Amino acid sequence: MQKITTFLWFDHQAEEAARFYTSVFADSRITTVTHYPEEGPGETGTVMTVAFELAGQGFVALNGGPMFHFTEAISLQVDCADQQEVDELWAKLTADGGEGGPCGWLKDRYGLSWQIVPRVLTELIADPDQAKVGRVTAAMLRMQKIEIQPLLDAARG
């Protein structure tokens, strides 16, 4: 069993969101759906929680009501192998009401923030050459969706 699990609070869209997220990522599935009992606080029989896995990582979504909302103070970072994966995830997660943000960040249709990060960016900003890191960072700061080729061009100077 996973020791620490990310818990996501939704108004009433927990199952819908879990189904959407599991359709976006390979090796993903819904594992458990629970329903509110008569004792509440939700309407009896409605979905209370949905446990699901995204690429093997466990999450729980709760239908907790409208009092709390997602902010950019927390986001889910996705390591992407190449530009194709970045493009595909960006398109899926911004579809139907999602929106792109700066530096590879986006919000999906539920308001959850994601960072869609090509692995090469992580490698480039860890380079010991601080001038290279500065050029790569400057290039990234001009982007919404991260584009790998301009990062590589910046790294070369």
C-alpha atoms as a PDB file:
ATOM      1  CA  MET A   1       0.000   0.000   0.000  1.00  0.00           C
ATOM      2  CA  GLN A   2       1.159   3.500  -0.842  1.00  0.00           C
ATOM      3  CA  LYS A   3       2.038   5.360   2.356  1.00  0.00           C
ATOM      4  CA  ILE A   4       1.106   8.871   1.176  1.00  0.00           C
ATOM      5  CA  THR A   5      -1.819   9.457  -1.183  1.00  0.00           C
ATOM      6  CA  THR A   6      -2.837  12.735  -2.808  1.00  0.00           C
ATOM      7  CA  PHE A   7      -6.422  13.593  -1.820  1.00  0.00           C
ATOM      8  CA  LEU A   8      -8.391  15.876  -4.172  1.00  0.00           C
ATOM      9  CA  TRP A   9     -11.520  17.760  -3.058  1.00  0.00           C
ATOM     10  CA  PHE A  10     -14.256  18.302  -5.630  1.00  0.00           C
ATOM     11  CA  ASP A  11     -17.693  19.853  -5.290  1.00  0.00           C
ATOM     12  CA  HIS A  12     -19.583  16.964  -6.952  1.00  0.00           C
ATOM     13  CA  GLN A  13     -17.386  15.894  -9.890  1.00  0.00           C
ATOM     14  CA  ALA A  14     -15.059  13.363  -8.206  1.00  0.00           C
ATOM     15  CA  GLU A  15     -16.096  10.379 -10.316  1.00  0.00           C
ATOM     16  CA  GLU A  16     -16.255  12.385 -13.531  1.00  0.00           C
ATOM     17  CA  ALA A  17     -12.774  13.803 -12.868  1.00  0.00           C
ATOM     18  CA  ALA A  18     -11.320  10.396 -11.961  1.00  0.00           C
ATOM     19  CA  ARG A  19     -12.720   8.905 -15.175  1.00  0.00           C
ATOM     20  CA  PHE A  20     -11.257  11.794 -17.161  1.00  0.00           C
ATOM     21  CA  TYR A  21      -7.809  11.527 -15.542  1.00  0.00           C
ATOM     22  CA  THR A  22      -7.657   7.750 -15.985  1.00  0.00           C
ATOM     23  CA  SER A  23      -8.475   8.217 -19.684  1.00  0.00           C
ATOM     24  CA  VAL A  24      -5.552  10.641 -20.098  1.00  0.00           C
ATOM     25  CA  PHE A  25      -2.725   8.590 -18.562  1.00  0.00           C
ATOM     26  CA  ALA A  26      -1.587   5.077 -19.474  1.00  0.00           C
ATOM     27  CA  ASP A  27      -1.459   2.484 -16.694  1.00  0.00           C
ATOM     28  CA  SER A  28      -4.373   4.153 -14.903  1.00  0.00           C
ATOM     29  CA  ARG A  29      -7.565   2.840 -13.365  1.00  0.00           C
ATOM     30  CA  ILE A  30     -10.336   3.472 -10.869  1.00  0.00           C
ATOM     31  CA  THR A  31      -9.902   1.114  -7.933  1.00  0.00           C
ATOM     32  CA  THR A  32     -12.757   1.909  -5.522  1.00  0.00           C
ATOM     33  CA  VAL A  33     -15.920   4.012  -5.449  1.00  0.00           C
ATOM     34  CA  THR A  34     -17.667   4.654  -2.123  1.00  0.00           C
ATOM     35  CA  HIS A  35     -21.080   6.194  -1.539  1.00  0.00           C
ATOM     36  CA  TYR A  36     -22.493   8.397   1.185  1.00  0.00           C
ATOM     37  CA  PRO A  37     -24.471   6.489   3.830  1.00  0.00           C
ATOM     38  CA  GLU A  38     -27.697   7.772   5.364  1.00  0.00           C
ATOM     39  CA  GLU A  39     -25.642   9.484   8.068  1.00  0.00           C
ATOM     40  CA  GLY A  40     -24.264  11.898   5.439  1.00  0.00           C
ATOM     41  CA  PRO A  41     -23.003  14.528   5.135  1.00  0.00           C
ATOM     42  CA  GLY A  42     -23.649  14.017   1.397  1.00  0.00           C
ATOM     43  CA  GLU A  43     -26.909  12.864  -0.153  1.00  0.00           C
ATOM     44  CA  THR A  44     -27.482   9.173   0.617  1.00  0.00           C
ATOM     45  CA  GLY A  45     -26.230   6.922  -2.172  1.00  0.00           C
ATOM     46  CA  THR A  46     -24.274   9.571  -4.056  1.00  0.00           C
ATOM     47  CA  VAL A  47     -20.573   9.107  -4.717  1.00  0.00           C
ATOM     48  CA  MET A  48     -18.466  10.068  -1.703  1.00  0.00           C
ATOM     49  CA  THR A  49     -14.934   9.042  -2.798  1.00  0.00           C
ATOM     50  CA  VAL A  50     -13.225   7.598  -5.824  1.00  0.00           C
ATOM     51  CA  ALA A  51      -9.834   5.936  -5.414  1.00  0.00           C
ATOM     52  CA  PHE A  52      -7.844   5.807  -8.620  1.00  0.00           C
ATOM     53  CA  GLU A  53      -4.336   5.358  -9.973  1.00  0.00           C
ATOM     54  CA  LEU A  54      -2.571   7.484 -12.572  1.00  0.00           C
ATOM     55  CA  ALA A  55       0.487   5.771 -14.009  1.00  0.00           C
ATOM     56  CA  GLY A  56       0.591   3.640 -10.871  1.00  0.00           C
ATOM     57  CA  GLN A  57       0.334   6.598  -8.427  1.00  0.00           C
ATOM     58  CA  GLY A  58      -2.650   6.480  -6.063  1.00  0.00           C
ATOM     59  CA  PHE A  59      -5.136   9.336  -5.588  1.00  0.00           C
ATOM     60  CA  VAL A  60      -8.483   9.762  -3.870  1.00  0.00           C
ATOM     61  CA  ALA A  61     -11.149  12.190  -5.090  1.00  0.00           C
ATOM     62  CA  LEU A  62     -13.849  13.367  -2.663  1.00  0.00           C
ATOM     63  CA  ASN A  63     -17.210  14.925  -3.418  1.00  0.00           C
ATOM     64  CA  GLY A  64     -16.979  17.313  -0.480  1.00  0.00           C
ATOM     65  CA  GLY A  65     -19.080  20.250  -1.612  1.00  0.00           C
ATOM     66  CA  PRO A  66     -18.374  23.742  -2.924  1.00  0.00           C
ATOM     67  CA  MET A  67     -16.512  25.238   0.048  1.00  0.00           C
ATOM     68  CA  PHE A  68     -12.932  24.498  -1.135  1.00  0.00           C
ATOM     69  CA  HIS A  69     -11.318  25.026  -4.522  1.00  0.00           C
ATOM     70  CA  PHE A  70      -8.006  24.158  -6.123  1.00  0.00           C
ATOM     71  CA  THR A  71      -5.297  26.813  -6.359  1.00  0.00           C
ATOM     72  CA  GLU A  72      -1.890  26.913  -7.981  1.00  0.00           C
ATOM     73  CA  ALA A  73      -0.391  26.418  -4.517  1.00  0.00           C
ATOM     74  CA  ILE A  74      -0.345  22.724  -5.381  1.00  0.00           C
ATOM     75  CA  SER A  75       0.086  21.091  -8.766  1.00  0.00           C
ATOM     76  CA  LEU A  76       0.774  17.691 -10.240  1.00  0.00           C
ATOM     77  CA  GLN A  77       4.020  17.537 -12.207  1.00  0.00           C
ATOM     78  CA  VAL A  78       4.203  15.105 -15.105  1.00  0.00           C
ATOM     79  CA  ASP A  79       7.576  13.940 -16.429  1.00  0.00           C
ATOM     80  CA  CYS A  80       7.325  13.689 -20.221  1.00  0.00           C
ATOM     81  CA  ALA A  81       9.765  11.709 -22.341  1.00  0.00           C
ATOM     82  CA  ASP A  82       9.468  13.851 -25.476  1.00  0.00           C
ATOM     83  CA  GLN A  83       7.627  16.660 -27.272  1.00  0.00           C
ATOM     84  CA  GLN A  84       4.917  14.317 -28.513  1.00  0.00           C
ATOM     85  CA  GLU A  85       3.983  13.405 -24.931  1.00  0.00           C
ATOM     86  CA  VAL A  86       4.042  17.075 -23.874  1.00  0.00           C
ATOM     87  CA  ASP A  87       1.779  18.023 -26.788  1.00  0.00           C
ATOM     88  CA  GLU A  88      -0.645  15.146 -26.189  1.00  0.00           C
ATOM     89  CA  LEU A  89      -1.030  15.751 -22.449  1.00  0.00           C
ATOM     90  CA  TRP A  90      -1.284  19.510 -22.900  1.00  0.00           C
ATOM     91  CA  ALA A  91      -4.080  19.086 -25.454  1.00  0.00           C
ATOM     92  CA  LYS A  92      -6.022  16.596 -23.349  1.00  0.00           C
ATOM     93  CA  LEU A  93      -5.706  18.445 -20.050  1.00  0.00           C
ATOM     94  CA  THR A  94      -6.602  21.868 -21.492  1.00  0.00           C
ATOM     95  CA  ALA A  95      -9.566  20.529 -23.501  1.00  0.00           C
ATOM     96  CA  ASP A  96     -13.164  21.418 -22.647  1.00  0.00           C
ATOM     97  CA  GLY A  97     -12.513  24.379 -20.372  1.00  0.00           C
ATOM     98  CA  GLY A  98      -8.914  23.880 -19.275  1.00  0.00           C
ATOM     99  CA  GLU A  99      -6.421  26.673 -19.842  1.00  0.00           C
ATOM    100  CA  GLY A 100      -2.724  27.022 -20.413  1.00  0.00           C
ATOM    101  CA  GLY A 101      -0.545  29.009 -18.072  1.00  0.00           C
ATOM    102  CA  PRO A 102       3.095  30.059 -18.006  1.00  0.00           C
ATOM    103  CA  CYS A 103       6.153  27.791 -17.978  1.00  0.00           C
ATOM    104  CA  GLY A 104       4.410  24.489 -18.669  1.00  0.00           C
ATOM    105  CA  TRP A 105       1.656  24.978 -16.086  1.00  0.00           C
ATOM    106  CA  LEU A 106      -2.004  24.535 -16.944  1.00  0.00           C
ATOM    107  CA  LYS A 107      -5.345  24.174 -15.226  1.00  0.00           C
ATOM    108  CA  ASP A 108      -7.670  21.397 -16.302  1.00  0.00           C
ATOM    109  CA  ARG A 109     -11.448  21.785 -16.604  1.00  0.00           C
ATOM    110  CA  TYR A 110     -11.811  21.063 -12.868  1.00  0.00           C
ATOM    111  CA  GLY A 111      -9.339  23.768 -11.852  1.00  0.00           C
ATOM    112  CA  LEU A 112      -6.531  21.365 -10.861  1.00  0.00           C
ATOM    113  CA  SER A 113      -3.062  22.678 -11.766  1.00  0.00           C
ATOM    114  CA  TRP A 114      -0.586  20.522 -13.672  1.00  0.00           C
ATOM    115  CA  GLN A 115       3.014  21.013 -14.760  1.00  0.00           C
ATOM    116  CA  ILE A 116       3.703  19.274 -18.061  1.00  0.00           C
ATOM    117  CA  VAL A 117       7.496  19.050 -18.075  1.00  0.00           C
ATOM    118  CA  PRO A 118       9.721  17.454 -20.691  1.00  0.00           C
ATOM    119  CA  ARG A 119      12.485  15.462 -19.026  1.00  0.00           C
ATOM    120  CA  VAL A 120      15.095  17.375 -21.000  1.00  0.00           C
ATOM    121  CA  LEU A 121      14.104  20.599 -19.198  1.00  0.00           C
ATOM    122  CA  THR A 122      14.754  18.983 -15.836  1.00  0.00           C
ATOM    123  CA  GLU A 123      18.150  17.830 -17.087  1.00  0.00           C
ATOM    124  CA  LEU A 124      19.067  21.201 -18.611  1.00  0.00           C
ATOM    125  CA  ILE A 125      18.273  23.241 -15.497  1.00  0.00           C
ATOM    126  CA  ALA A 126      20.391  20.854 -13.402  1.00  0.00           C
ATOM    127  CA  ASP A 127      23.441  21.441 -15.625  1.00  0.00           C
ATOM    128  CA  PRO A 128      26.505  22.730 -13.727  1.00  0.00           C
ATOM    129  CA  ASP A 129      27.000  25.445 -16.399  1.00  0.00           C
ATOM    130  CA  GLN A 130      25.037  28.321 -14.852  1.00  0.00           C
ATOM    131  CA  ALA A 131      25.164  30.399 -18.045  1.00  0.00           C
ATOM    132  CA  LYS A 132      23.439  27.536 -19.878  1.00  0.00           C
ATOM    133  CA  VAL A 133      20.892  27.216 -17.064  1.00  0.00           C
ATOM    134  CA  GLY A 134      20.202  30.947 -17.317  1.00  0.00           C
ATOM    135  CA  ARG A 135      19.609  30.799 -21.083  1.00  0.00           C
ATOM    136  CA  VAL A 136      17.337  27.764 -20.766  1.00  0.00           C
ATOM    137  CA  THR A 137      15.395  29.364 -17.913  1.00  0.00           C
ATOM    138  CA  ALA A 138      14.962  32.609 -19.874  1.00  0.00           C
ATOM    139  CA  ALA A 139      13.637  30.623 -22.851  1.00  0.00           C
ATOM    140  CA  MET A 140      11.246  28.644 -20.640  1.00  0.00           C
ATOM    141  CA  LEU A 141       9.882  31.808 -19.011  1.00  0.00           C
ATOM    142  CA  ARG A 142       8.657  32.987 -22.443  1.00  0.00           C
ATOM    143  CA  MET A 143       6.619  29.805 -23.001  1.00  0.00           C
ATOM    144  CA  GLN A 144       3.245  28.454 -22.023  1.00  0.00           C
ATOM    145  CA  LYS A 145       3.446  24.865 -23.244  1.00  0.00           C
ATOM    146  CA  ILE A 146       7.097  23.848 -23.100  1.00  0.00           C
ATOM    147  CA  GLU A 147       8.746  23.393 -26.486  1.00  0.00           C
ATOM    148  CA  ILE A 148      11.897  21.289 -26.381  1.00  0.00           C
ATOM    149  CA  GLN A 149      13.727  22.577 -29.470  1.00  0.00           C
ATOM    150  CA  PRO A 150      13.906  26.218 -28.278  1.00  0.00           C
ATOM    151  CA  LEU A 151      15.256  24.933 -24.942  1.00  0.00           C
ATOM    152  CA  LEU A 152      17.976  22.972 -26.740  1.00  0.00           C
ATOM    153  CA  ASP A 153      18.764  26.003 -28.903  1.00  0.00           C
ATOM    154  CA  ALA A 154      19.064  28.181 -25.778  1.00  0.00           C
ATOM    155  CA  ALA A 155      21.305  25.599 -24.113  1.00  0.00           C
ATOM    156  CA  ARG A 156      23.686  25.724 -27.081  1.00  0.00           C
ATOM    157  CA  GLY A 157      23.782  29.523 -26.822  1.00  0.00           C
END
